[in-house]
């Protein structure tokens, strides 16, 4: 749980529930509550320990070290869809979702910006080279080569929360550069094409740390 919540950058409180809030039939219940920006908590996971009472009811036993039959002690762990809601509530803004890089299905989206087919062919050659390098190193990258306008694409991928948007246009190719745009801050930087792989990895780590630091701020309120 700790590792998962760390990767999700969620501030959580783990607490043993009082008797009145213990899961029916459980010996004890531990709840994992995410702290939302409004200060309220949202239970995203729980674990329940039943001792051996259910094993006795269903005759679930094992042979112990003494060669005798013993009843199993059972525990259940669960997470609900509210975990997804917590990610949206914690890392969303007026433009949509912000996905922590470690859990983002797409970590980098590439937007080719071309005025004509000739530009597109040249740009795609550069884009395919960049994509191959990143994929080889395990970066989850996608190229949006749809016919939608650049503005439409920017808004769509901001809404979906992809951590890095990589823009490639004719002027960038002439300068052997690409443009990186961070989803969390909106900051744009020009990166040399030869440094795309190292800078993408570095920036993903920076965004993860930034969201984690934000988590700590909410936890300390």
N, C-alpha and C. Protein backbone atom coordinates (compact mmCIF):
# COMPACT_ATOMS: atom_id res chain seq x y z
N UNK A 1 0.83 -1.20 0.00
CA UNK A 1 0.00 0.00 0.00
C UNK A 1 0.87 1.26 0.00
N UNK A 2 1.89 1.26 0.83
CA UNK A 2 2.76 2.44 0.91
C UNK A 2 3.40 2.75 -0.44
N UNK A 3 3.89 1.71 -1.12
CA UNK A 3 4.55 1.92 -2.40
C UNK A 3 3.56 2.44 -3.45
N UNK A 4 2.36 1.86 -3.46
CA UNK A 4 1.35 2.28 -4.42
C UNK A 4 0.95 3.73 -4.18
N UNK A 5 0.66 4.10 -2.94
CA UNK A 5 0.26 5.46 -2.64
C UNK A 5 1.40 6.45 -2.92
N UNK A 6 2.62 5.98 -2.74
CA UNK A 6 3.79 6.81 -3.08
C UNK A 6 3.80 7.10 -4.57
N UNK A 7 3.57 6.07 -5.40
CA UNK A 7 3.58 6.26 -6.85
C UNK A 7 2.40 7.11 -7.32
N UNK A 8 1.27 7.00 -6.61
CA UNK A 8 0.09 7.79 -6.96
C UNK A 8 0.17 9.21 -6.43
N UNK A 9 1.18 9.47 -5.57
CA UNK A 9 1.35 10.79 -4.94
C UNK A 9 0.09 11.21 -4.17
N UNK A 10 -0.45 10.28 -3.42
CA UNK A 10 -1.64 10.55 -2.63
C UNK A 10 -1.28 10.64 -1.15
N UNK A 11 -1.70 11.70 -0.45
CA UNK A 11 -1.51 11.75 1.00
C UNK A 11 -2.55 10.87 1.67
N UNK A 12 -2.11 9.92 2.48
CA UNK A 12 -3.06 8.99 3.08
C UNK A 12 -2.82 8.85 4.58
N UNK A 13 -3.88 8.45 5.25
CA UNK A 13 -3.82 8.11 6.67
C UNK A 13 -4.26 6.65 6.81
N UNK A 14 -3.45 5.85 7.47
CA UNK A 14 -3.81 4.45 7.74
C UNK A 14 -4.18 4.34 9.22
N UNK A 15 -5.37 3.88 9.49
CA UNK A 15 -5.84 3.86 10.88
C UNK A 15 -6.72 2.65 11.14
N UNK A 16 -6.56 2.09 12.33
CA UNK A 16 -7.43 1.00 12.76
C UNK A 16 -8.80 1.57 13.09
N UNK A 17 -9.83 0.97 12.53
CA UNK A 17 -11.17 1.47 12.72
C UNK A 17 -11.70 1.12 14.11
N UNK A 18 -12.56 1.99 14.67
CA UNK A 18 -13.21 1.65 15.94
C UNK A 18 -14.16 0.46 15.74
N UNK A 19 -14.62 -0.10 16.82
CA UNK A 19 -15.46 -1.30 16.75
C UNK A 19 -16.69 -1.05 15.89
N UNK A 20 -17.32 0.11 16.07
CA UNK A 20 -18.56 0.38 15.33
C UNK A 20 -18.34 0.50 13.82
N UNK A 21 -17.09 0.73 13.41
CA UNK A 21 -16.79 0.89 11.99
C UNK A 21 -15.99 -0.30 11.44
N UNK A 22 -15.89 -1.37 12.23
CA UNK A 22 -15.19 -2.57 11.79
C UNK A 22 -16.07 -3.38 10.84
N UNK A 23 -15.48 -3.94 9.83
CA UNK A 23 -16.23 -4.74 8.86
C UNK A 23 -16.93 -5.90 9.58
N UNK A 24 -18.20 -6.15 9.29
CA UNK A 24 -18.94 -7.22 9.98
C UNK A 24 -18.23 -8.57 9.85
N UNK A 25 -17.97 -9.19 10.99
CA UNK A 25 -17.31 -10.49 10.98
C UNK A 25 -15.81 -10.42 11.10
N UNK A 26 -15.24 -9.21 11.01
CA UNK A 26 -13.79 -9.06 11.09
C UNK A 26 -13.35 -8.87 12.54
N UNK A 27 -12.14 -9.32 12.85
CA UNK A 27 -11.57 -9.11 14.18
C UNK A 27 -11.13 -7.66 14.30
N UNK A 28 -10.54 -7.12 13.23
CA UNK A 28 -10.25 -5.69 13.16
C UNK A 28 -10.20 -5.25 11.71
N UNK A 29 -10.34 -3.96 11.49
CA UNK A 29 -10.30 -3.37 10.16
C UNK A 29 -9.32 -2.20 10.16
N UNK A 30 -8.51 -2.12 9.13
CA UNK A 30 -7.62 -0.97 8.93
C UNK A 30 -8.06 -0.25 7.65
N UNK A 31 -8.36 1.02 7.77
CA UNK A 31 -8.78 1.81 6.61
C UNK A 31 -7.65 2.69 6.11
N UNK A 32 -7.60 2.85 4.81
CA UNK A 32 -6.61 3.75 4.19
C UNK A 32 -7.39 4.89 3.55
N UNK A 33 -7.23 6.09 4.09
CA UNK A 33 -7.99 7.26 3.66
C UNK A 33 -7.08 8.27 2.97
N UNK A 34 -7.48 8.68 1.78
CA UNK A 34 -6.76 9.74 1.08
C UNK A 34 -7.30 11.09 1.52
N UNK A 35 -6.39 12.04 1.69
CA UNK A 35 -6.79 13.39 2.09
C UNK A 35 -6.94 14.25 0.83
N UNK A 36 -8.14 14.74 0.61
CA UNK A 36 -8.43 15.54 -0.57
C UNK A 36 -8.04 17.01 -0.33
N UNK A 37 -7.87 17.79 -1.40
CA UNK A 37 -7.49 19.20 -1.25
C UNK A 37 -8.44 20.03 -0.39
N UNK A 38 -9.70 19.60 -0.31
CA UNK A 38 -10.65 20.36 0.52
C UNK A 38 -10.56 19.97 1.99
N UNK A 39 -9.62 19.08 2.33
CA UNK A 39 -9.43 18.68 3.71
C UNK A 39 -10.23 17.47 4.14
N UNK A 40 -11.15 17.03 3.30
CA UNK A 40 -11.93 15.85 3.63
C UNK A 40 -11.14 14.58 3.27
N UNK A 41 -11.55 13.47 3.86
CA UNK A 41 -10.89 12.20 3.57
C UNK A 41 -11.79 11.32 2.71
N UNK A 42 -11.15 10.49 1.91
CA UNK A 42 -11.86 9.55 1.04
C UNK A 42 -11.22 8.18 1.23
N UNK A 43 -12.01 7.23 1.73
CA UNK A 43 -11.45 5.88 1.93
C UNK A 43 -11.23 5.23 0.57
N UNK A 44 -9.99 4.83 0.32
CA UNK A 44 -9.65 4.26 -0.99
C UNK A 44 -9.28 2.78 -0.88
N UNK A 45 -9.01 2.31 0.33
CA UNK A 45 -8.64 0.90 0.51
C UNK A 45 -8.87 0.49 1.96
N UNK A 46 -8.91 -0.80 2.19
CA UNK A 46 -9.06 -1.31 3.56
C UNK A 46 -8.55 -2.75 3.63
N UNK A 47 -8.24 -3.18 4.83
CA UNK A 47 -7.89 -4.59 5.04
C UNK A 47 -8.60 -5.07 6.31
N UNK A 48 -9.05 -6.32 6.27
CA UNK A 48 -9.83 -6.89 7.37
C UNK A 48 -9.19 -8.22 7.79
N UNK A 49 -9.03 -8.39 9.09
CA UNK A 49 -8.49 -9.65 9.60
C UNK A 49 -9.60 -10.40 10.31
N UNK A 50 -9.79 -11.68 9.94
CA UNK A 50 -10.93 -12.46 10.45
C UNK A 50 -10.52 -13.53 11.46
N UNK A 51 -9.23 -13.59 11.79
CA UNK A 51 -8.74 -14.72 12.60
C UNK A 51 -9.12 -16.02 11.88
N UNK A 52 -9.57 -17.03 12.63
CA UNK A 52 -9.87 -18.31 11.99
C UNK A 52 -11.36 -18.64 11.98
N UNK A 53 -12.21 -17.64 12.25
CA UNK A 53 -13.63 -17.94 12.38
C UNK A 53 -14.27 -18.39 11.06
N UNK A 54 -13.87 -17.77 9.94
CA UNK A 54 -14.45 -18.18 8.67
C UNK A 54 -13.87 -19.50 8.20
N UNK A 55 -12.60 -19.73 8.55
CA UNK A 55 -11.99 -21.02 8.21
C UNK A 55 -12.72 -22.16 8.93
N UNK A 56 -13.10 -21.91 10.17
CA UNK A 56 -13.86 -22.92 10.90
C UNK A 56 -15.23 -23.14 10.27
N UNK A 57 -15.85 -22.03 9.85
CA UNK A 57 -17.20 -22.14 9.27
C UNK A 57 -17.17 -22.92 7.95
N UNK A 58 -16.11 -22.77 7.17
CA UNK A 58 -16.02 -23.43 5.86
C UNK A 58 -15.02 -24.58 5.86
N UNK A 59 -14.53 -24.94 7.06
CA UNK A 59 -13.62 -26.08 7.22
C UNK A 59 -12.39 -25.95 6.31
N UNK A 60 -11.69 -24.82 6.45
CA UNK A 60 -10.46 -24.59 5.68
C UNK A 60 -9.28 -24.76 6.63
N UNK A 61 -8.51 -25.81 6.44
CA UNK A 61 -7.43 -26.11 7.36
C UNK A 61 -6.16 -26.48 6.61
N UNK A 62 -5.07 -26.57 7.35
CA UNK A 62 -3.79 -26.96 6.78
C UNK A 62 -3.04 -27.81 7.81
N UNK A 63 -2.03 -28.49 7.35
CA UNK A 63 -1.22 -29.31 8.25
C UNK A 63 -0.07 -28.48 8.79
N UNK A 64 -0.01 -28.30 10.09
CA UNK A 64 1.02 -27.46 10.69
C UNK A 64 2.33 -28.24 10.87
N UNK A 65 3.31 -27.59 11.47
CA UNK A 65 4.64 -28.22 11.63
C UNK A 65 4.62 -29.44 12.52
N UNK A 66 3.61 -29.55 13.37
CA UNK A 66 3.50 -30.71 14.26
C UNK A 66 2.71 -31.85 13.62
N UNK A 67 2.34 -31.65 12.36
CA UNK A 67 1.59 -32.69 11.66
C UNK A 67 0.13 -32.71 12.01
N UNK A 68 -0.35 -31.67 12.67
CA UNK A 68 -1.75 -31.59 13.06
C UNK A 68 -2.49 -30.60 12.16
N UNK A 69 -3.80 -30.72 12.12
CA UNK A 69 -4.62 -29.82 11.32
C UNK A 69 -4.94 -28.54 12.10
N UNK A 70 -4.69 -27.40 11.47
CA UNK A 70 -5.02 -26.10 12.08
C UNK A 70 -5.87 -25.31 11.10
N UNK A 71 -6.71 -24.45 11.66
CA UNK A 71 -7.54 -23.60 10.81
C UNK A 71 -6.76 -22.35 10.38
N UNK A 72 -7.02 -21.93 9.16
CA UNK A 72 -6.31 -20.78 8.59
C UNK A 72 -6.79 -19.48 9.22
N UNK A 73 -5.88 -18.55 9.37
CA UNK A 73 -6.25 -17.17 9.67
C UNK A 73 -6.34 -16.44 8.34
N UNK A 74 -7.41 -15.71 8.15
CA UNK A 74 -7.66 -15.08 6.84
C UNK A 74 -7.70 -13.57 6.94
N UNK A 75 -7.23 -12.95 5.88
CA UNK A 75 -7.24 -11.49 5.77
C UNK A 75 -7.64 -11.11 4.35
N UNK A 76 -8.42 -10.07 4.21
CA UNK A 76 -8.75 -9.57 2.87
C UNK A 76 -8.25 -8.14 2.72
N UNK A 77 -7.78 -7.84 1.53
CA UNK A 77 -7.34 -6.50 1.18
C UNK A 77 -8.16 -6.04 -0.01
N UNK A 78 -8.55 -4.81 -0.01
CA UNK A 78 -9.35 -4.33 -1.14
C UNK A 78 -9.14 -2.86 -1.44
N UNK A 79 -9.22 -2.56 -2.73
CA UNK A 79 -9.22 -1.16 -3.18
C UNK A 79 -10.39 -0.98 -4.13
N UNK A 80 -11.01 0.18 -4.08
CA UNK A 80 -12.20 0.40 -4.88
C UNK A 80 -11.93 1.43 -5.98
N UNK A 81 -12.96 1.65 -6.78
CA UNK A 81 -12.87 2.64 -7.84
C UNK A 81 -12.63 4.04 -7.28
N UNK A 82 -12.88 4.20 -5.99
CA UNK A 82 -12.65 5.51 -5.38
C UNK A 82 -11.17 5.91 -5.44
N UNK A 83 -10.31 4.92 -5.60
CA UNK A 83 -8.88 5.21 -5.76
C UNK A 83 -8.66 6.05 -7.02
N UNK A 84 -9.39 5.74 -8.08
CA UNK A 84 -9.30 6.53 -9.30
C UNK A 84 -9.86 7.93 -9.07
N UNK A 85 -10.95 8.00 -8.30
CA UNK A 85 -11.53 9.30 -7.97
C UNK A 85 -10.57 10.15 -7.17
N UNK A 86 -9.80 9.50 -6.28
CA UNK A 86 -8.83 10.23 -5.46
C UNK A 86 -7.72 10.82 -6.33
N UNK A 87 -7.30 10.07 -7.35
CA UNK A 87 -6.27 10.57 -8.27
C UNK A 87 -6.79 11.80 -9.01
N UNK A 88 -8.02 11.72 -9.49
CA UNK A 88 -8.61 12.86 -10.20
C UNK A 88 -8.76 14.05 -9.27
N UNK A 89 -9.28 13.80 -8.06
CA UNK A 89 -9.50 14.89 -7.11
C UNK A 89 -8.21 15.52 -6.62
N UNK A 90 -7.17 14.74 -6.48
CA UNK A 90 -5.90 15.25 -5.96
C UNK A 90 -5.08 15.94 -7.03
N UNK A 91 -5.08 15.37 -8.24
CA UNK A 91 -4.16 15.85 -9.27
C UNK A 91 -4.87 16.50 -10.46
N UNK A 92 -6.09 16.94 -10.27
CA UNK A 92 -6.80 17.60 -11.35
C UNK A 92 -6.73 19.11 -11.22
N UNK A 93 -6.97 19.81 -12.33
CA UNK A 93 -7.08 21.27 -12.31
C UNK A 93 -8.18 21.69 -13.26
N UNK A 94 -8.26 22.97 -13.58
CA UNK A 94 -9.34 23.47 -14.44
C UNK A 94 -9.24 22.96 -15.87
N UNK A 95 -8.12 22.36 -16.23
CA UNK A 95 -7.92 21.89 -17.61
C UNK A 95 -8.06 20.38 -17.74
N UNK A 96 -8.22 19.69 -16.61
CA UNK A 96 -8.37 18.24 -16.67
C UNK A 96 -7.52 17.53 -15.65
N UNK A 97 -7.07 16.35 -16.01
CA UNK A 97 -6.31 15.49 -15.11
C UNK A 97 -4.81 15.76 -15.23
N UNK A 98 -4.08 15.47 -14.15
CA UNK A 98 -2.62 15.47 -14.18
C UNK A 98 -2.18 14.10 -13.67
N UNK A 99 -1.65 13.28 -14.54
CA UNK A 99 -1.28 11.92 -14.15
C UNK A 99 0.13 11.87 -13.61
N UNK A 100 0.35 11.29 -12.43
CA UNK A 100 1.72 11.05 -11.96
C UNK A 100 2.44 10.17 -12.98
N UNK A 101 3.64 10.53 -13.39
CA UNK A 101 4.34 9.79 -14.45
C UNK A 101 4.46 8.29 -14.22
N UNK A 102 4.63 7.87 -12.96
CA UNK A 102 4.83 6.45 -12.70
C UNK A 102 3.62 5.60 -13.05
N UNK A 103 2.43 6.19 -13.03
CA UNK A 103 1.22 5.41 -13.33
C UNK A 103 0.57 5.84 -14.63
N UNK A 104 1.11 6.85 -15.31
CA UNK A 104 0.49 7.34 -16.54
C UNK A 104 0.59 6.30 -17.66
N UNK A 105 -0.53 5.90 -18.26
CA UNK A 105 -0.47 4.95 -19.38
C UNK A 105 0.36 5.50 -20.54
N UNK A 106 0.26 6.82 -20.74
CA UNK A 106 1.09 7.52 -21.74
C UNK A 106 1.87 8.59 -20.99
N UNK A 107 3.18 8.50 -21.01
CA UNK A 107 4.01 9.47 -20.29
C UNK A 107 4.39 10.66 -21.16
N UNK A 108 4.54 10.43 -22.45
CA UNK A 108 4.90 11.50 -23.39
C UNK A 108 4.02 11.38 -24.62
N UNK A 109 3.39 12.47 -25.01
CA UNK A 109 2.63 12.49 -26.26
C UNK A 109 3.33 13.43 -27.23
N UNK A 110 3.50 12.97 -28.45
CA UNK A 110 4.20 13.76 -29.47
C UNK A 110 3.18 14.37 -30.41
N UNK A 111 3.28 15.69 -30.60
CA UNK A 111 2.37 16.40 -31.49
C UNK A 111 3.17 16.92 -32.69
N UNK A 112 3.06 16.28 -33.86
CA UNK A 112 3.69 16.83 -35.07
C UNK A 112 2.88 18.02 -35.57
N UNK A 113 3.56 19.11 -35.89
CA UNK A 113 2.87 20.31 -36.35
C UNK A 113 3.36 20.62 -37.76
N UNK A 114 2.51 20.34 -38.76
CA UNK A 114 2.91 20.50 -40.16
C UNK A 114 1.86 21.30 -40.92
N UNK A 115 2.34 22.13 -41.86
CA UNK A 115 1.43 22.94 -42.67
C UNK A 115 1.03 22.24 -43.96
N UNK A 116 1.85 21.30 -44.43
CA UNK A 116 1.56 20.59 -45.67
C UNK A 116 2.13 19.17 -45.59
N UNK A 117 1.86 18.38 -46.61
CA UNK A 117 2.30 16.98 -46.62
C UNK A 117 3.82 16.85 -46.64
N UNK A 118 4.48 17.80 -47.32
CA UNK A 118 5.94 17.74 -47.37
C UNK A 118 6.52 17.95 -45.98
N UNK A 119 5.99 18.94 -45.27
CA UNK A 119 6.43 19.17 -43.89
C UNK A 119 6.15 17.95 -43.03
N UNK A 120 4.97 17.35 -43.21
CA UNK A 120 4.58 16.22 -42.38
C UNK A 120 5.53 15.05 -42.56
N UNK A 121 5.94 14.78 -43.81
CA UNK A 121 6.85 13.67 -44.07
C UNK A 121 8.18 13.88 -43.37
N UNK A 122 8.71 15.09 -43.47
CA UNK A 122 9.99 15.41 -42.82
C UNK A 122 9.87 15.32 -41.30
N UNK A 123 8.79 15.87 -40.78
CA UNK A 123 8.58 15.87 -39.34
C UNK A 123 8.42 14.45 -38.81
N UNK A 124 7.65 13.63 -39.53
CA UNK A 124 7.40 12.28 -39.06
C UNK A 124 8.68 11.44 -39.03
N UNK A 125 9.61 11.72 -39.92
CA UNK A 125 10.90 11.03 -39.88
C UNK A 125 11.62 11.31 -38.56
N UNK A 126 11.58 12.56 -38.13
CA UNK A 126 12.19 12.94 -36.85
C UNK A 126 11.41 12.33 -35.69
N UNK A 127 10.08 12.41 -35.79
CA UNK A 127 9.22 11.91 -34.72
C UNK A 127 9.41 10.40 -34.53
N UNK A 128 9.46 9.66 -35.62
CA UNK A 128 9.62 8.21 -35.52
C UNK A 128 10.95 7.84 -34.88
N UNK A 129 11.99 8.62 -35.17
CA UNK A 129 13.30 8.38 -34.56
C UNK A 129 13.24 8.61 -33.05
N UNK A 130 12.61 9.71 -32.65
CA UNK A 130 12.47 10.03 -31.23
C UNK A 130 11.64 8.97 -30.50
N UNK A 131 10.53 8.57 -31.12
CA UNK A 131 9.64 7.58 -30.52
C UNK A 131 10.35 6.26 -30.32
N UNK A 132 11.12 5.85 -31.31
CA UNK A 132 11.84 4.57 -31.21
C UNK A 132 12.85 4.60 -30.07
N UNK A 133 13.56 5.71 -29.92
CA UNK A 133 14.55 5.83 -28.85
C UNK A 133 13.88 5.75 -27.47
N UNK A 134 12.79 6.50 -27.32
CA UNK A 134 12.11 6.54 -26.03
C UNK A 134 11.49 5.19 -25.68
N UNK A 135 10.84 4.56 -26.65
CA UNK A 135 10.21 3.26 -26.42
C UNK A 135 11.24 2.22 -26.03
N UNK A 136 12.39 2.29 -26.66
CA UNK A 136 13.45 1.32 -26.36
C UNK A 136 13.91 1.42 -24.91
N UNK A 137 13.83 2.62 -24.34
CA UNK A 137 14.25 2.84 -22.95
C UNK A 137 13.10 2.73 -21.95
N UNK A 138 11.94 2.29 -22.45
CA UNK A 138 10.83 2.03 -21.53
C UNK A 138 9.91 3.20 -21.29
N UNK A 139 10.11 4.33 -21.98
CA UNK A 139 9.20 5.48 -21.83
C UNK A 139 7.94 5.20 -22.64
N UNK A 140 6.79 5.36 -22.00
CA UNK A 140 5.51 5.11 -22.67
C UNK A 140 5.14 6.35 -23.49
N UNK A 141 5.29 6.25 -24.79
CA UNK A 141 5.16 7.40 -25.67
C UNK A 141 4.16 7.12 -26.78
N UNK A 142 3.42 8.15 -27.16
CA UNK A 142 2.42 8.03 -28.22
C UNK A 142 2.52 9.22 -29.16
N UNK A 143 2.34 8.96 -30.45
CA UNK A 143 2.33 10.02 -31.45
C UNK A 143 0.88 10.30 -31.86
N UNK A 144 0.47 11.54 -31.76
CA UNK A 144 -0.86 11.93 -32.21
C UNK A 144 -0.71 12.52 -33.62
N UNK A 145 -0.86 11.68 -34.62
CA UNK A 145 -0.75 12.13 -36.02
C UNK A 145 -2.12 12.24 -36.67
N UNK A 146 -3.14 12.48 -35.84
CA UNK A 146 -4.49 12.65 -36.36
C UNK A 146 -4.59 13.96 -37.15
N UNK A 147 -5.72 14.15 -37.81
CA UNK A 147 -5.92 15.35 -38.62
C UNK A 147 -6.49 16.52 -37.82
N UNK A 148 -6.63 16.36 -36.53
CA UNK A 148 -7.13 17.44 -35.69
C UNK A 148 -6.10 18.57 -35.63
N UNK A 149 -6.56 19.77 -35.32
CA UNK A 149 -5.66 20.92 -35.23
C UNK A 149 -4.75 20.78 -34.02
N UNK A 150 -3.58 21.46 -34.04
CA UNK A 150 -2.68 21.41 -32.88
C UNK A 150 -3.37 21.84 -31.59
N UNK A 151 -4.20 22.91 -31.67
CA UNK A 151 -4.89 23.38 -30.48
C UNK A 151 -5.83 22.33 -29.90
N UNK A 152 -6.54 21.64 -30.78
CA UNK A 152 -7.43 20.57 -30.34
C UNK A 152 -6.63 19.48 -29.63
N UNK A 153 -5.50 19.11 -30.21
CA UNK A 153 -4.66 18.06 -29.62
C UNK A 153 -4.11 18.49 -28.27
N UNK A 154 -3.66 19.74 -28.19
CA UNK A 154 -3.13 20.24 -26.91
C UNK A 154 -4.18 20.09 -25.82
N UNK A 155 -5.40 20.56 -26.11
CA UNK A 155 -6.47 20.51 -25.11
C UNK A 155 -6.85 19.08 -24.76
N UNK A 156 -6.88 18.21 -25.76
CA UNK A 156 -7.28 16.82 -25.51
C UNK A 156 -6.30 16.11 -24.58
N UNK A 157 -5.00 16.30 -24.83
CA UNK A 157 -4.01 15.59 -24.03
C UNK A 157 -3.79 16.25 -22.67
N UNK A 158 -4.08 17.55 -22.58
CA UNK A 158 -4.10 18.19 -21.27
C UNK A 158 -5.23 17.61 -20.43
N UNK A 159 -6.39 17.44 -21.06
CA UNK A 159 -7.54 16.87 -20.37
C UNK A 159 -7.24 15.47 -19.84
N UNK A 160 -6.50 14.70 -20.63
CA UNK A 160 -6.18 13.32 -20.25
C UNK A 160 -5.00 13.24 -19.28
N UNK A 161 -4.31 14.35 -19.09
CA UNK A 161 -3.29 14.40 -18.05
C UNK A 161 -1.94 13.82 -18.39
N UNK A 162 -1.60 13.69 -19.67
CA UNK A 162 -0.28 13.15 -20.05
C UNK A 162 0.80 14.09 -19.51
N UNK A 163 1.79 13.57 -18.78
CA UNK A 163 2.78 14.43 -18.11
C UNK A 163 3.58 15.35 -19.02
N UNK A 164 3.98 14.85 -20.20
CA UNK A 164 4.82 15.67 -21.10
C UNK A 164 4.21 15.70 -22.49
N UNK A 165 4.11 16.89 -23.04
CA UNK A 165 3.73 17.05 -24.45
C UNK A 165 4.98 17.48 -25.23
N UNK A 166 5.28 16.76 -26.27
CA UNK A 166 6.46 17.05 -27.09
C UNK A 166 5.98 17.55 -28.45
N UNK A 167 6.33 18.78 -28.80
CA UNK A 167 5.88 19.39 -30.04
C UNK A 167 7.04 19.45 -31.04
N UNK A 168 6.75 19.08 -32.28
CA UNK A 168 7.77 19.11 -33.33
C UNK A 168 7.18 19.79 -34.57
N UNK A 169 7.75 20.93 -34.96
CA UNK A 169 7.32 21.64 -36.15
C UNK A 169 8.49 21.92 -37.08
N UNK A 170 8.24 22.51 -38.25
CA UNK A 170 9.30 22.78 -39.22
C UNK A 170 10.42 23.66 -38.66
N UNK A 171 10.06 24.69 -37.90
CA UNK A 171 11.08 25.58 -37.33
C UNK A 171 11.96 24.83 -36.32
N UNK A 172 11.32 23.93 -35.57
CA UNK A 172 12.08 23.14 -34.60
C UNK A 172 13.09 22.24 -35.29
N UNK A 173 12.66 21.63 -36.40
CA UNK A 173 13.56 20.74 -37.13
C UNK A 173 14.74 21.51 -37.70
N UNK A 174 14.47 22.72 -38.21
CA UNK A 174 15.55 23.54 -38.76
C UNK A 174 16.60 23.87 -37.70
N UNK A 175 16.14 23.99 -36.46
CA UNK A 175 17.07 24.29 -35.36
C UNK A 175 17.51 23.01 -34.64
N UNK A 176 17.02 21.85 -35.13
CA UNK A 176 17.33 20.55 -34.52
C UNK A 176 16.86 20.49 -33.06
N UNK A 177 15.70 21.11 -32.83
CA UNK A 177 15.13 21.16 -31.49
C UNK A 177 13.75 20.52 -31.46
N UNK A 178 13.25 20.31 -30.26
CA UNK A 178 11.85 19.98 -30.03
C UNK A 178 11.39 20.83 -28.85
N UNK A 179 10.08 20.88 -28.64
CA UNK A 179 9.53 21.64 -27.52
C UNK A 179 8.91 20.68 -26.51
N UNK A 180 9.30 20.83 -25.25
CA UNK A 180 8.71 20.07 -24.16
C UNK A 180 7.74 20.98 -23.41
N UNK A 181 6.53 20.48 -23.14
CA UNK A 181 5.57 21.21 -22.32
C UNK A 181 5.16 20.32 -21.15
N UNK A 182 5.35 20.83 -19.92
CA UNK A 182 4.98 20.09 -18.71
C UNK A 182 3.48 20.24 -18.45
N UNK A 183 2.84 19.15 -18.13
CA UNK A 183 1.41 19.22 -17.83
C UNK A 183 1.15 19.85 -16.47
N UNK A 184 2.05 19.64 -15.50
CA UNK A 184 1.77 20.13 -14.15
C UNK A 184 1.94 21.64 -14.02
N UNK A 185 2.91 22.22 -14.72
CA UNK A 185 3.15 23.66 -14.60
C UNK A 185 2.84 24.42 -15.89
N UNK A 186 2.74 23.71 -17.01
CA UNK A 186 2.52 24.36 -18.29
C UNK A 186 3.79 24.97 -18.89
N UNK A 187 4.90 24.83 -18.18
CA UNK A 187 6.17 25.42 -18.64
C UNK A 187 6.65 24.74 -19.93
N UNK A 188 7.15 25.58 -20.87
CA UNK A 188 7.68 25.06 -22.12
C UNK A 188 9.19 25.30 -22.20
N UNK A 189 9.90 24.31 -22.71
CA UNK A 189 11.36 24.45 -22.89
C UNK A 189 11.76 23.88 -24.23
N UNK A 190 12.81 24.46 -24.81
CA UNK A 190 13.36 23.95 -26.07
C UNK A 190 14.49 22.98 -25.74
N UNK A 191 14.43 21.80 -26.33
CA UNK A 191 15.40 20.75 -26.07
C UNK A 191 16.04 20.32 -27.39
N UNK A 192 17.35 20.14 -27.38
CA UNK A 192 18.02 19.62 -28.56
C UNK A 192 17.55 18.19 -28.82
N UNK A 193 17.39 17.85 -30.09
CA UNK A 193 16.88 16.53 -30.45
C UNK A 193 17.75 15.42 -29.86
N UNK A 194 19.04 15.63 -29.81
CA UNK A 194 19.94 14.59 -29.31
C UNK A 194 19.77 14.36 -27.80
N UNK A 195 19.17 15.31 -27.12
CA UNK A 195 19.00 15.21 -25.67
C UNK A 195 17.59 14.82 -25.25
N UNK A 196 16.74 14.50 -26.23
CA UNK A 196 15.34 14.22 -25.92
C UNK A 196 15.19 13.09 -24.92
N UNK A 197 15.89 12.00 -25.13
CA UNK A 197 15.74 10.84 -24.26
C UNK A 197 16.14 11.15 -22.82
N UNK A 198 17.31 11.73 -22.64
CA UNK A 198 17.78 12.03 -21.29
C UNK A 198 16.92 13.08 -20.62
N UNK A 199 16.51 14.10 -21.38
CA UNK A 199 15.70 15.17 -20.80
C UNK A 199 14.29 14.69 -20.47
N UNK A 200 13.75 13.79 -21.30
CA UNK A 200 12.41 13.26 -21.02
C UNK A 200 12.43 12.46 -19.72
N UNK A 201 13.43 11.62 -19.54
CA UNK A 201 13.55 10.84 -18.31
C UNK A 201 13.71 11.75 -17.10
N UNK A 202 14.54 12.77 -17.26
CA UNK A 202 14.78 13.71 -16.18
C UNK A 202 13.51 14.47 -15.82
N UNK A 203 12.77 14.92 -16.83
CA UNK A 203 11.57 15.70 -16.59
C UNK A 203 10.46 14.86 -15.97
N UNK A 204 10.35 13.61 -16.38
CA UNK A 204 9.34 12.72 -15.77
C UNK A 204 9.62 12.56 -14.28
N UNK A 205 10.89 12.43 -13.92
CA UNK A 205 11.25 12.32 -12.51
C UNK A 205 10.94 13.61 -11.76
N UNK A 206 11.19 14.76 -12.40
CA UNK A 206 10.92 16.05 -11.77
C UNK A 206 9.42 16.23 -11.51
N UNK A 207 8.60 15.83 -12.49
CA UNK A 207 7.15 15.96 -12.33
C UNK A 207 6.65 15.05 -11.22
N UNK A 208 7.18 13.83 -11.17
CA UNK A 208 6.79 12.89 -10.11
C UNK A 208 7.13 13.48 -8.74
N UNK A 209 8.33 14.04 -8.62
CA UNK A 209 8.75 14.63 -7.35
C UNK A 209 7.90 15.85 -7.00
N UNK A 210 7.54 16.64 -8.00
CA UNK A 210 6.73 17.83 -7.78
C UNK A 210 5.35 17.45 -7.24
N UNK A 211 4.73 16.43 -7.83
CA UNK A 211 3.42 15.99 -7.37
C UNK A 211 3.51 15.36 -5.99
N UNK A 212 4.61 14.67 -5.73
CA UNK A 212 4.80 14.06 -4.41
C UNK A 212 4.97 15.15 -3.35
N UNK A 213 5.70 16.22 -3.69
CA UNK A 213 5.87 17.33 -2.75
C UNK A 213 4.54 18.01 -2.48
N UNK A 214 3.69 18.10 -3.50
CA UNK A 214 2.37 18.68 -3.31
C UNK A 214 1.54 17.83 -2.36
N UNK A 215 1.70 16.51 -2.50
CA UNK A 215 1.02 15.59 -1.59
C UNK A 215 1.40 15.87 -0.14
N UNK A 216 2.69 16.08 0.09
CA UNK A 216 3.17 16.35 1.46
C UNK A 216 2.60 17.65 2.01
N UNK A 217 2.41 18.64 1.12
CA UNK A 217 1.83 19.90 1.56
C UNK A 217 0.43 19.71 2.10
N UNK A 218 -0.37 18.92 1.40
CA UNK A 218 -1.75 18.67 1.85
C UNK A 218 -1.76 17.87 3.14
N UNK A 219 -0.80 16.93 3.27
CA UNK A 219 -0.75 16.09 4.46
C UNK A 219 -0.38 16.88 5.71
N UNK A 220 0.41 17.94 5.52
CA UNK A 220 0.88 18.71 6.68
C UNK A 220 -0.05 19.85 7.06
N UNK A 221 -1.14 20.00 6.35
CA UNK A 221 -2.06 21.11 6.66
C UNK A 221 -2.75 20.90 8.01
